[in-house]
N, C-alpha and C. Protein backbone atom coordinates (compact mmCIF):
# COMPACT_ATOMS: atom_id res chain seq x y z
N MET A 1 4.79 -11.64 -30.68
CA MET A 1 5.80 -12.51 -30.08
C MET A 1 6.32 -11.90 -28.78
N ALA A 2 6.63 -10.59 -28.82
CA ALA A 2 7.18 -9.93 -27.62
C ALA A 2 6.19 -9.99 -26.46
N LYS A 3 4.89 -9.87 -26.78
CA LYS A 3 3.88 -9.91 -25.73
C LYS A 3 3.82 -11.30 -25.11
N LEU A 4 3.95 -12.33 -25.93
CA LEU A 4 3.95 -13.70 -25.44
C LEU A 4 5.17 -13.95 -24.55
N VAL A 5 6.33 -13.43 -24.97
CA VAL A 5 7.56 -13.58 -24.18
C VAL A 5 7.40 -12.90 -22.82
N SER A 6 6.92 -11.65 -22.82
CA SER A 6 6.79 -10.93 -21.55
C SER A 6 5.77 -11.61 -20.64
N LYS A 7 4.69 -12.14 -21.21
CA LYS A 7 3.70 -12.84 -20.40
C LYS A 7 4.26 -14.14 -19.84
N THR A 8 4.92 -14.92 -20.68
CA THR A 8 5.47 -16.22 -20.25
C THR A 8 6.47 -16.05 -19.11
N TYR A 9 7.48 -15.21 -19.33
CA TYR A 9 8.51 -15.01 -18.30
C TYR A 9 7.95 -14.23 -17.10
N GLY A 10 7.10 -13.24 -17.38
CA GLY A 10 6.52 -12.44 -16.30
C GLY A 10 5.64 -13.27 -15.39
N ASP A 11 4.82 -14.15 -15.99
CA ASP A 11 3.98 -15.04 -15.18
C ASP A 11 4.81 -16.01 -14.35
N ALA A 12 5.88 -16.54 -14.95
CA ALA A 12 6.75 -17.47 -14.21
C ALA A 12 7.41 -16.76 -13.02
N LEU A 13 7.86 -15.53 -13.25
CA LEU A 13 8.48 -14.76 -12.17
C LEU A 13 7.45 -14.45 -11.08
N PHE A 14 6.24 -14.11 -11.50
CA PHE A 14 5.17 -13.80 -10.54
C PHE A 14 4.85 -15.03 -9.69
N GLU A 15 4.70 -16.20 -10.32
CA GLU A 15 4.40 -17.43 -9.59
C GLU A 15 5.52 -17.77 -8.60
N THR A 16 6.75 -17.58 -9.03
CA THR A 16 7.89 -17.84 -8.13
C THR A 16 7.84 -16.90 -6.92
N ALA A 17 7.54 -15.64 -7.16
CA ALA A 17 7.47 -14.65 -6.08
C ALA A 17 6.36 -14.98 -5.10
N VAL A 18 5.20 -15.38 -5.61
CA VAL A 18 4.07 -15.72 -4.74
C VAL A 18 4.37 -16.99 -3.95
N GLU A 19 4.88 -18.01 -4.63
CA GLU A 19 5.17 -19.28 -3.97
C GLU A 19 6.22 -19.14 -2.87
N SER A 20 7.20 -18.27 -3.09
CA SER A 20 8.25 -18.08 -2.09
C SER A 20 7.87 -17.00 -1.07
N ASN A 21 6.67 -16.45 -1.22
CA ASN A 21 6.15 -15.42 -0.30
C ASN A 21 7.09 -14.20 -0.22
N ARG A 22 7.65 -13.81 -1.39
CA ARG A 22 8.56 -12.66 -1.44
C ARG A 22 8.15 -11.70 -2.56
N LEU A 23 6.87 -11.47 -2.68
CA LEU A 23 6.34 -10.63 -3.74
C LEU A 23 6.93 -9.22 -3.69
N ASP A 24 6.99 -8.64 -2.50
CA ASP A 24 7.52 -7.28 -2.36
C ASP A 24 9.01 -7.22 -2.72
N ASP A 25 9.77 -8.22 -2.27
CA ASP A 25 11.20 -8.26 -2.58
C ASP A 25 11.42 -8.34 -4.09
N PHE A 26 10.69 -9.24 -4.73
CA PHE A 26 10.84 -9.41 -6.17
C PHE A 26 10.43 -8.14 -6.92
N SER A 27 9.37 -7.51 -6.44
CA SER A 27 8.88 -6.29 -7.09
C SER A 27 9.92 -5.16 -7.00
N GLU A 28 10.50 -4.99 -5.83
CA GLU A 28 11.53 -3.96 -5.67
C GLU A 28 12.75 -4.26 -6.53
N GLU A 29 13.14 -5.52 -6.59
CA GLU A 29 14.28 -5.90 -7.43
C GLU A 29 13.99 -5.63 -8.90
N ALA A 30 12.77 -5.96 -9.34
CA ALA A 30 12.39 -5.74 -10.74
C ALA A 30 12.43 -4.25 -11.07
N LYS A 31 11.97 -3.42 -10.15
CA LYS A 31 12.00 -1.96 -10.38
C LYS A 31 13.45 -1.47 -10.49
N GLY A 32 14.32 -2.00 -9.64
CA GLY A 32 15.73 -1.62 -9.69
C GLY A 32 16.39 -2.04 -10.99
N ILE A 33 16.13 -3.26 -11.41
CA ILE A 33 16.70 -3.75 -12.67
C ILE A 33 16.18 -2.92 -13.84
N LEU A 34 14.88 -2.61 -13.82
CA LEU A 34 14.31 -1.76 -14.88
C LEU A 34 15.03 -0.42 -14.95
N THR A 35 15.29 0.17 -13.81
CA THR A 35 16.00 1.45 -13.77
C THR A 35 17.38 1.32 -14.41
N VAL A 36 18.11 0.26 -14.05
CA VAL A 36 19.44 0.03 -14.62
C VAL A 36 19.35 -0.13 -16.14
N LEU A 37 18.40 -0.92 -16.61
CA LEU A 37 18.25 -1.16 -18.04
C LEU A 37 17.90 0.12 -18.79
N ARG A 38 17.01 0.92 -18.21
CA ARG A 38 16.57 2.15 -18.89
C ARG A 38 17.63 3.24 -18.87
N GLU A 39 18.42 3.29 -17.83
CA GLU A 39 19.43 4.35 -17.71
C GLU A 39 20.74 4.01 -18.41
N ASN A 40 20.91 2.78 -18.84
CA ASN A 40 22.16 2.37 -19.47
C ASN A 40 21.91 1.82 -20.87
N GLN A 41 21.72 2.72 -21.80
CA GLN A 41 21.45 2.32 -23.18
C GLN A 41 22.64 1.56 -23.79
N GLU A 42 23.84 1.88 -23.34
CA GLU A 42 25.02 1.18 -23.84
C GLU A 42 24.96 -0.31 -23.48
N LEU A 43 24.45 -0.63 -22.30
CA LEU A 43 24.29 -2.02 -21.89
C LEU A 43 23.33 -2.73 -22.85
N SER A 44 22.23 -2.09 -23.18
CA SER A 44 21.27 -2.69 -24.11
C SER A 44 21.89 -2.90 -25.48
N ARG A 45 22.67 -1.94 -25.95
CA ARG A 45 23.33 -2.09 -27.25
C ARG A 45 24.29 -3.29 -27.23
N LEU A 46 25.06 -3.41 -26.16
CA LEU A 46 25.98 -4.54 -26.04
C LEU A 46 25.23 -5.87 -26.00
N MET A 47 24.17 -5.92 -25.21
CA MET A 47 23.44 -7.17 -25.02
C MET A 47 22.68 -7.59 -26.27
N ASN A 48 22.35 -6.64 -27.13
CA ASN A 48 21.62 -6.96 -28.35
C ASN A 48 22.52 -7.06 -29.57
N HIS A 49 23.82 -6.84 -29.37
CA HIS A 49 24.75 -6.88 -30.50
C HIS A 49 24.93 -8.33 -30.96
N PRO A 50 24.74 -8.59 -32.26
CA PRO A 50 24.80 -9.97 -32.75
C PRO A 50 26.19 -10.60 -32.73
N GLN A 51 27.24 -9.79 -32.69
CA GLN A 51 28.59 -10.36 -32.73
C GLN A 51 29.17 -10.66 -31.34
N ILE A 52 28.44 -10.32 -30.31
CA ILE A 52 28.88 -10.66 -28.95
C ILE A 52 28.22 -11.99 -28.59
N VAL A 53 29.03 -12.95 -28.23
CA VAL A 53 28.51 -14.30 -27.95
C VAL A 53 27.74 -14.32 -26.62
N LYS A 54 26.85 -15.30 -26.51
CA LYS A 54 25.99 -15.40 -25.33
C LYS A 54 26.80 -15.52 -24.04
N GLU A 55 27.90 -16.27 -24.08
CA GLU A 55 28.71 -16.46 -22.87
C GLU A 55 29.23 -15.13 -22.34
N GLU A 56 29.64 -14.24 -23.24
CA GLU A 56 30.11 -12.92 -22.82
C GLU A 56 28.96 -12.09 -22.26
N LYS A 57 27.81 -12.19 -22.86
CA LYS A 57 26.63 -11.46 -22.37
C LYS A 57 26.25 -11.95 -20.98
N ILE A 58 26.27 -13.26 -20.79
CA ILE A 58 25.95 -13.85 -19.48
C ILE A 58 26.97 -13.38 -18.44
N HIS A 59 28.25 -13.42 -18.81
CA HIS A 59 29.29 -12.96 -17.89
C HIS A 59 29.08 -11.48 -17.51
N LEU A 60 28.69 -10.67 -18.47
CA LEU A 60 28.45 -9.24 -18.22
C LEU A 60 27.29 -9.06 -17.23
N ILE A 61 26.20 -9.77 -17.45
CA ILE A 61 25.04 -9.68 -16.55
C ILE A 61 25.41 -10.16 -15.15
N GLU A 62 26.16 -11.25 -15.07
CA GLU A 62 26.58 -11.76 -13.77
C GLU A 62 27.48 -10.75 -13.05
N SER A 63 28.39 -10.12 -13.79
CA SER A 63 29.30 -9.16 -13.14
C SER A 63 28.56 -7.91 -12.68
N ILE A 64 27.48 -7.56 -13.35
CA ILE A 64 26.72 -6.37 -12.96
C ILE A 64 25.77 -6.68 -11.80
N PHE A 65 25.06 -7.81 -11.88
CA PHE A 65 23.95 -8.06 -10.96
C PHE A 65 24.20 -9.11 -9.88
N GLN A 66 25.11 -10.06 -10.10
CA GLN A 66 25.32 -11.14 -9.13
C GLN A 66 25.71 -10.56 -7.76
N GLY A 67 25.01 -11.00 -6.74
CA GLY A 67 25.29 -10.53 -5.38
C GLY A 67 24.63 -9.20 -5.05
N LYS A 68 24.04 -8.55 -6.04
CA LYS A 68 23.38 -7.26 -5.82
C LYS A 68 21.86 -7.38 -5.90
N VAL A 69 21.40 -8.38 -6.63
CA VAL A 69 19.96 -8.65 -6.73
C VAL A 69 19.72 -10.13 -6.43
N LEU A 70 18.48 -10.48 -6.25
CA LEU A 70 18.12 -11.87 -5.93
C LEU A 70 18.64 -12.83 -7.01
N ASP A 71 19.06 -14.00 -6.57
CA ASP A 71 19.56 -15.01 -7.50
C ASP A 71 18.52 -15.38 -8.56
N GLU A 72 17.24 -15.39 -8.16
CA GLU A 72 16.17 -15.71 -9.10
C GLU A 72 16.12 -14.71 -10.25
N MET A 73 16.40 -13.45 -9.95
CA MET A 73 16.40 -12.40 -10.99
C MET A 73 17.57 -12.60 -11.95
N VAL A 74 18.74 -12.88 -11.39
CA VAL A 74 19.92 -13.13 -12.23
C VAL A 74 19.66 -14.37 -13.09
N GLY A 75 19.09 -15.40 -12.50
CA GLY A 75 18.78 -16.62 -13.23
C GLY A 75 17.81 -16.36 -14.38
N LEU A 76 16.80 -15.54 -14.12
CA LEU A 76 15.85 -15.20 -15.17
C LEU A 76 16.54 -14.46 -16.32
N MET A 77 17.38 -13.49 -15.98
CA MET A 77 18.08 -12.73 -17.02
C MET A 77 19.00 -13.64 -17.84
N ILE A 78 19.69 -14.55 -17.17
CA ILE A 78 20.58 -15.48 -17.89
C ILE A 78 19.77 -16.38 -18.82
N MET A 79 18.65 -16.89 -18.31
CA MET A 79 17.80 -17.74 -19.14
C MET A 79 17.30 -16.98 -20.37
N MET A 80 16.93 -15.72 -20.19
CA MET A 80 16.44 -14.93 -21.31
C MET A 80 17.55 -14.69 -22.34
N ILE A 81 18.77 -14.50 -21.87
CA ILE A 81 19.90 -14.34 -22.79
C ILE A 81 20.13 -15.63 -23.56
N GLN A 82 20.08 -16.75 -22.86
CA GLN A 82 20.29 -18.04 -23.51
C GLN A 82 19.24 -18.31 -24.59
N LYS A 83 18.04 -17.80 -24.38
CA LYS A 83 16.94 -18.01 -25.34
C LYS A 83 16.82 -16.85 -26.34
N ASP A 84 17.82 -15.95 -26.35
CA ASP A 84 17.82 -14.79 -27.26
C ASP A 84 16.63 -13.85 -27.05
N HIS A 85 16.26 -13.64 -25.79
CA HIS A 85 15.14 -12.75 -25.48
C HIS A 85 15.55 -11.52 -24.68
N PHE A 86 16.82 -11.15 -24.73
CA PHE A 86 17.23 -9.98 -23.94
C PHE A 86 16.45 -8.74 -24.35
N ALA A 87 16.14 -8.60 -25.61
CA ALA A 87 15.43 -7.42 -26.11
C ALA A 87 14.07 -7.23 -25.42
N GLU A 88 13.48 -8.32 -24.94
CA GLU A 88 12.18 -8.24 -24.27
C GLU A 88 12.29 -8.16 -22.75
N MET A 89 13.50 -8.10 -22.23
CA MET A 89 13.69 -8.13 -20.78
C MET A 89 12.95 -6.99 -20.07
N GLU A 90 13.03 -5.80 -20.63
CA GLU A 90 12.35 -4.66 -20.02
C GLU A 90 10.85 -4.91 -19.95
N SER A 91 10.27 -5.40 -21.03
CA SER A 91 8.82 -5.64 -21.06
C SER A 91 8.42 -6.76 -20.08
N VAL A 92 9.31 -7.72 -19.85
CA VAL A 92 9.04 -8.79 -18.88
C VAL A 92 8.91 -8.19 -17.48
N PHE A 93 9.84 -7.32 -17.11
CA PHE A 93 9.79 -6.73 -15.77
C PHE A 93 8.61 -5.77 -15.62
N VAL A 94 8.27 -5.04 -16.68
CA VAL A 94 7.10 -4.16 -16.64
C VAL A 94 5.84 -5.00 -16.45
N TYR A 95 5.72 -6.08 -17.20
CA TYR A 95 4.57 -6.99 -17.09
C TYR A 95 4.49 -7.55 -15.66
N PHE A 96 5.62 -7.98 -15.13
CA PHE A 96 5.65 -8.54 -13.77
C PHE A 96 5.19 -7.51 -12.74
N ILE A 97 5.71 -6.30 -12.83
CA ILE A 97 5.32 -5.24 -11.88
C ILE A 97 3.83 -4.94 -11.99
N ASP A 98 3.30 -4.94 -13.21
CA ASP A 98 1.86 -4.74 -13.40
C ASP A 98 1.05 -5.87 -12.76
N GLN A 99 1.54 -7.10 -12.87
CA GLN A 99 0.88 -8.25 -12.25
C GLN A 99 0.86 -8.10 -10.73
N VAL A 100 1.97 -7.65 -10.16
CA VAL A 100 2.05 -7.45 -8.70
C VAL A 100 1.04 -6.39 -8.27
N LYS A 101 0.98 -5.29 -9.01
CA LYS A 101 0.02 -4.22 -8.67
C LYS A 101 -1.40 -4.74 -8.72
N GLU A 102 -1.72 -5.48 -9.77
CA GLU A 102 -3.07 -6.03 -9.92
C GLU A 102 -3.39 -6.98 -8.76
N TYR A 103 -2.44 -7.82 -8.40
CA TYR A 103 -2.60 -8.77 -7.30
C TYR A 103 -2.87 -8.04 -5.98
N LYS A 104 -2.22 -6.91 -5.80
CA LYS A 104 -2.37 -6.14 -4.56
C LYS A 104 -3.47 -5.08 -4.66
N ASN A 105 -4.24 -5.10 -5.76
CA ASN A 105 -5.32 -4.13 -6.00
C ASN A 105 -4.82 -2.69 -5.99
N ILE A 106 -3.69 -2.48 -6.64
CA ILE A 106 -3.16 -1.13 -6.80
C ILE A 106 -3.32 -0.75 -8.27
N GLY A 107 -4.12 0.27 -8.50
CA GLY A 107 -4.37 0.71 -9.87
C GLY A 107 -3.36 1.75 -10.31
N THR A 108 -3.25 1.91 -11.61
CA THR A 108 -2.42 2.96 -12.18
C THR A 108 -3.35 3.85 -13.01
N ALA A 109 -3.42 5.10 -12.64
CA ALA A 109 -4.32 6.03 -13.33
C ALA A 109 -3.51 7.14 -13.99
N TYR A 110 -3.88 7.42 -15.24
CA TYR A 110 -3.27 8.51 -15.99
C TYR A 110 -4.35 9.58 -16.16
N VAL A 111 -4.12 10.73 -15.55
CA VAL A 111 -5.10 11.80 -15.57
C VAL A 111 -4.53 12.96 -16.39
N THR A 112 -5.25 13.32 -17.43
CA THR A 112 -4.85 14.45 -18.26
C THR A 112 -5.92 15.52 -18.11
N SER A 113 -5.50 16.72 -17.73
CA SER A 113 -6.44 17.82 -17.54
C SER A 113 -6.00 19.02 -18.39
N ALA A 114 -6.94 19.95 -18.56
CA ALA A 114 -6.66 21.12 -19.40
C ALA A 114 -5.69 22.09 -18.71
N MET A 115 -5.67 22.04 -17.39
CA MET A 115 -4.75 22.90 -16.64
C MET A 115 -4.21 22.12 -15.45
N GLU A 116 -3.13 22.62 -14.88
CA GLU A 116 -2.49 21.97 -13.74
C GLU A 116 -3.50 21.86 -12.59
N LEU A 117 -3.60 20.68 -12.00
CA LEU A 117 -4.50 20.47 -10.86
C LEU A 117 -3.77 20.80 -9.56
N SER A 118 -4.51 21.39 -8.62
CA SER A 118 -3.94 21.67 -7.31
C SER A 118 -3.82 20.35 -6.55
N GLU A 119 -3.08 20.35 -5.46
CA GLU A 119 -2.93 19.14 -4.65
C GLU A 119 -4.28 18.68 -4.13
N ALA A 120 -5.14 19.62 -3.73
CA ALA A 120 -6.47 19.27 -3.23
C ALA A 120 -7.29 18.61 -4.34
N GLN A 121 -7.21 19.13 -5.56
CA GLN A 121 -7.94 18.53 -6.68
C GLN A 121 -7.41 17.13 -6.98
N LYS A 122 -6.09 16.97 -6.92
CA LYS A 122 -5.50 15.65 -7.16
C LYS A 122 -5.99 14.64 -6.12
N LYS A 123 -6.05 15.07 -4.86
CA LYS A 123 -6.54 14.19 -3.80
C LYS A 123 -8.01 13.84 -4.02
N ASP A 124 -8.80 14.82 -4.49
CA ASP A 124 -10.22 14.56 -4.77
C ASP A 124 -10.37 13.55 -5.90
N VAL A 125 -9.58 13.69 -6.95
CA VAL A 125 -9.64 12.75 -8.07
C VAL A 125 -9.29 11.35 -7.60
N GLU A 126 -8.22 11.24 -6.84
CA GLU A 126 -7.80 9.93 -6.34
C GLU A 126 -8.86 9.33 -5.41
N ALA A 127 -9.44 10.14 -4.53
CA ALA A 127 -10.47 9.65 -3.62
C ALA A 127 -11.69 9.15 -4.40
N ARG A 128 -12.07 9.88 -5.43
CA ARG A 128 -13.21 9.49 -6.26
C ARG A 128 -12.92 8.16 -6.98
N LEU A 129 -11.70 8.01 -7.47
CA LEU A 129 -11.32 6.76 -8.14
C LEU A 129 -11.34 5.59 -7.17
N LEU A 130 -10.89 5.81 -5.95
CA LEU A 130 -10.90 4.74 -4.94
C LEU A 130 -12.33 4.33 -4.60
N GLU A 131 -13.26 5.30 -4.60
CA GLU A 131 -14.67 5.00 -4.31
C GLU A 131 -15.33 4.20 -5.42
N THR A 132 -14.93 4.47 -6.66
CA THR A 132 -15.66 3.91 -7.80
C THR A 132 -14.97 2.72 -8.47
N THR A 133 -13.86 2.27 -7.92
CA THR A 133 -13.16 1.12 -8.50
C THR A 133 -12.90 0.08 -7.43
N LYS A 134 -12.35 -1.05 -7.84
CA LYS A 134 -12.01 -2.13 -6.91
C LYS A 134 -10.69 -1.91 -6.21
N TYR A 135 -9.94 -0.89 -6.64
CA TYR A 135 -8.57 -0.71 -6.13
C TYR A 135 -8.55 -0.11 -4.73
N VAL A 136 -7.52 -0.50 -3.96
CA VAL A 136 -7.35 0.01 -2.60
C VAL A 136 -6.34 1.15 -2.55
N ALA A 137 -5.60 1.31 -3.64
CA ALA A 137 -4.63 2.41 -3.75
C ALA A 137 -4.40 2.67 -5.23
N PHE A 138 -3.84 3.84 -5.52
CA PHE A 138 -3.54 4.20 -6.89
C PHE A 138 -2.15 4.77 -7.02
N GLU A 139 -1.54 4.46 -8.15
CA GLU A 139 -0.31 5.11 -8.58
C GLU A 139 -0.79 6.14 -9.61
N MET A 140 -0.69 7.40 -9.24
CA MET A 140 -1.29 8.46 -10.05
C MET A 140 -0.23 9.14 -10.93
N HIS A 141 -0.62 9.39 -12.18
CA HIS A 141 0.23 10.11 -13.13
C HIS A 141 -0.61 11.25 -13.71
N TYR A 142 -0.12 12.47 -13.56
CA TYR A 142 -0.86 13.64 -14.03
C TYR A 142 -0.14 14.29 -15.20
N ASP A 143 -0.94 14.80 -16.13
CA ASP A 143 -0.40 15.48 -17.29
C ASP A 143 -1.36 16.62 -17.65
N VAL A 144 -0.83 17.61 -18.35
CA VAL A 144 -1.64 18.76 -18.78
C VAL A 144 -1.66 18.79 -20.30
N ASP A 145 -2.86 18.96 -20.86
CA ASP A 145 -3.04 19.11 -22.30
C ASP A 145 -4.06 20.23 -22.51
N THR A 146 -3.57 21.41 -22.85
CA THR A 146 -4.45 22.57 -23.00
C THR A 146 -5.46 22.40 -24.14
N ALA A 147 -5.21 21.48 -25.06
CA ALA A 147 -6.15 21.23 -26.16
C ALA A 147 -7.48 20.66 -25.65
N LEU A 148 -7.51 20.15 -24.44
CA LEU A 148 -8.75 19.62 -23.89
C LEU A 148 -9.77 20.72 -23.59
N ILE A 149 -9.33 21.95 -23.50
CA ILE A 149 -10.12 23.15 -23.21
C ILE A 149 -10.59 23.17 -21.76
N GLY A 150 -11.17 22.11 -21.29
CA GLY A 150 -11.64 21.99 -19.91
C GLY A 150 -11.91 20.53 -19.62
N GLY A 151 -12.19 20.22 -18.36
CA GLY A 151 -12.45 18.84 -17.99
C GLY A 151 -11.18 18.02 -17.92
N MET A 152 -11.36 16.68 -17.99
CA MET A 152 -10.19 15.80 -17.92
C MET A 152 -10.47 14.46 -18.57
N VAL A 153 -9.38 13.74 -18.84
CA VAL A 153 -9.44 12.38 -19.37
C VAL A 153 -8.70 11.51 -18.37
N ILE A 154 -9.35 10.42 -17.95
CA ILE A 154 -8.75 9.51 -16.98
C ILE A 154 -8.66 8.14 -17.64
N ARG A 155 -7.44 7.56 -17.62
CA ARG A 155 -7.24 6.22 -18.18
C ARG A 155 -6.71 5.30 -17.09
N ILE A 156 -7.42 4.19 -16.89
CA ILE A 156 -7.00 3.14 -15.97
C ILE A 156 -7.03 1.85 -16.77
N GLY A 157 -5.85 1.32 -17.08
CA GLY A 157 -5.78 0.12 -17.92
C GLY A 157 -6.35 0.42 -19.29
N ASP A 158 -7.34 -0.36 -19.70
CA ASP A 158 -7.94 -0.13 -21.01
C ASP A 158 -9.25 0.64 -20.92
N ARG A 159 -9.58 1.15 -19.74
CA ARG A 159 -10.78 1.96 -19.56
C ARG A 159 -10.43 3.44 -19.62
N VAL A 160 -11.24 4.20 -20.33
CA VAL A 160 -11.02 5.63 -20.46
C VAL A 160 -12.32 6.36 -20.15
N VAL A 161 -12.22 7.36 -19.29
CA VAL A 161 -13.34 8.25 -19.01
C VAL A 161 -12.93 9.62 -19.52
N ASP A 162 -13.66 10.09 -20.52
CA ASP A 162 -13.31 11.36 -21.16
C ASP A 162 -14.41 12.37 -20.91
N SER A 163 -14.17 13.31 -20.01
CA SER A 163 -15.14 14.38 -19.73
C SER A 163 -14.59 15.72 -20.18
N SER A 164 -13.74 15.69 -21.18
CA SER A 164 -13.13 16.93 -21.65
C SER A 164 -14.11 17.73 -22.52
N VAL A 165 -13.96 19.03 -22.48
CA VAL A 165 -14.79 19.92 -23.29
C VAL A 165 -14.54 19.64 -24.78
N LYS A 166 -13.30 19.36 -25.14
CA LYS A 166 -12.95 19.07 -26.52
C LYS A 166 -13.78 17.91 -27.06
N THR A 167 -13.89 16.82 -26.30
CA THR A 167 -14.65 15.66 -26.73
C THR A 167 -16.14 15.96 -26.78
N LYS A 168 -16.63 16.70 -25.80
CA LYS A 168 -18.05 17.06 -25.78
C LYS A 168 -18.41 17.93 -26.99
N LEU A 169 -17.53 18.86 -27.35
CA LEU A 169 -17.76 19.70 -28.53
C LEU A 169 -17.74 18.85 -29.81
N TYR A 170 -16.84 17.90 -29.88
CA TYR A 170 -16.75 17.01 -31.03
C TYR A 170 -18.04 16.19 -31.16
N GLU A 171 -18.51 15.61 -30.06
CA GLU A 171 -19.73 14.81 -30.08
C GLU A 171 -20.94 15.67 -30.47
N LEU A 172 -21.00 16.88 -29.95
CA LEU A 172 -22.09 17.79 -30.28
C LEU A 172 -22.07 18.14 -31.76
N SER A 173 -20.90 18.39 -32.31
CA SER A 173 -20.81 18.73 -33.73
C SER A 173 -21.22 17.55 -34.60
N ARG A 174 -20.89 16.33 -34.18
CA ARG A 174 -21.32 15.13 -34.92
C ARG A 174 -22.83 14.99 -34.90
N GLU A 175 -23.43 15.24 -33.73
CA GLU A 175 -24.89 15.16 -33.62
C GLU A 175 -25.56 16.21 -34.49
N LEU A 176 -25.03 17.43 -34.47
CA LEU A 176 -25.60 18.50 -35.30
C LEU A 176 -25.45 18.19 -36.78
N TYR A 177 -24.36 17.60 -37.15
CA TYR A 177 -24.10 17.26 -38.56
C TYR A 177 -25.09 16.21 -39.05
N ASN A 178 -25.52 15.32 -38.16
CA ASN A 178 -26.43 14.23 -38.54
C ASN A 178 -27.91 14.59 -38.47
N ILE A 179 -28.22 15.79 -38.04
CA ILE A 179 -29.64 16.20 -37.97
C ILE A 179 -30.12 16.51 -39.39
N PRO A 180 -31.18 15.84 -39.81
CA PRO A 180 -31.70 16.12 -41.16
C PRO A 180 -32.37 17.50 -41.18
N LEU A 181 -32.01 18.26 -42.14
CA LEU A 181 -32.60 19.59 -42.28
C LEU A 181 -33.67 19.54 -43.35
N GLY A 182 -34.84 20.03 -43.01
CA GLY A 182 -35.93 20.07 -43.99
C GLY A 182 -35.83 21.36 -44.77
N ILE A 183 -35.06 21.31 -45.85
CA ILE A 183 -34.88 22.51 -46.67
C ILE A 183 -35.94 22.50 -47.76
N ALA A 184 -36.73 23.57 -47.78
CA ALA A 184 -37.80 23.68 -48.77
C ALA A 184 -37.20 24.09 -50.10
N GLU A 185 -37.76 23.48 -51.17
CA GLU A 185 -37.26 23.81 -52.50
C GLU A 185 -38.12 24.80 -53.17
């Protein structure tokens, strides 16, 4: 259900942004609202509290955001409150931002390596990804996992390239385990 809500509202917001030729404005506003929502857990608790009536929730959102963000964004948030979908608001804005990135051919890559990569190595990884994908730019996220032993794992959307030593050792052990041994009796 939550995925359907984020897609429905996210697609509507995306279409509005494209039609009004303000994709960048909407994207920046969505990022700002996401920051506010994530940094203010008390706001989320209030907005999701069952004993606070919708009118009070709407008034709270208007007092926080009206005049500070685009009217379309405030309207979307109010509509979501009216439909009891405030809990999915964060996922709607994440979905929308992902749609904008995809539209602009900006990929998001998560790179996990066995050790910290130097800046030159990071640039090489990004350059290689730009050569081998349809994207014109990347939003790069780096992480270290010493359990990989060596190599790296790169995830872009639902695609994963795993060249880690850990995975290669696992695959080798599976192959060795499946080799029939001719043991003489």
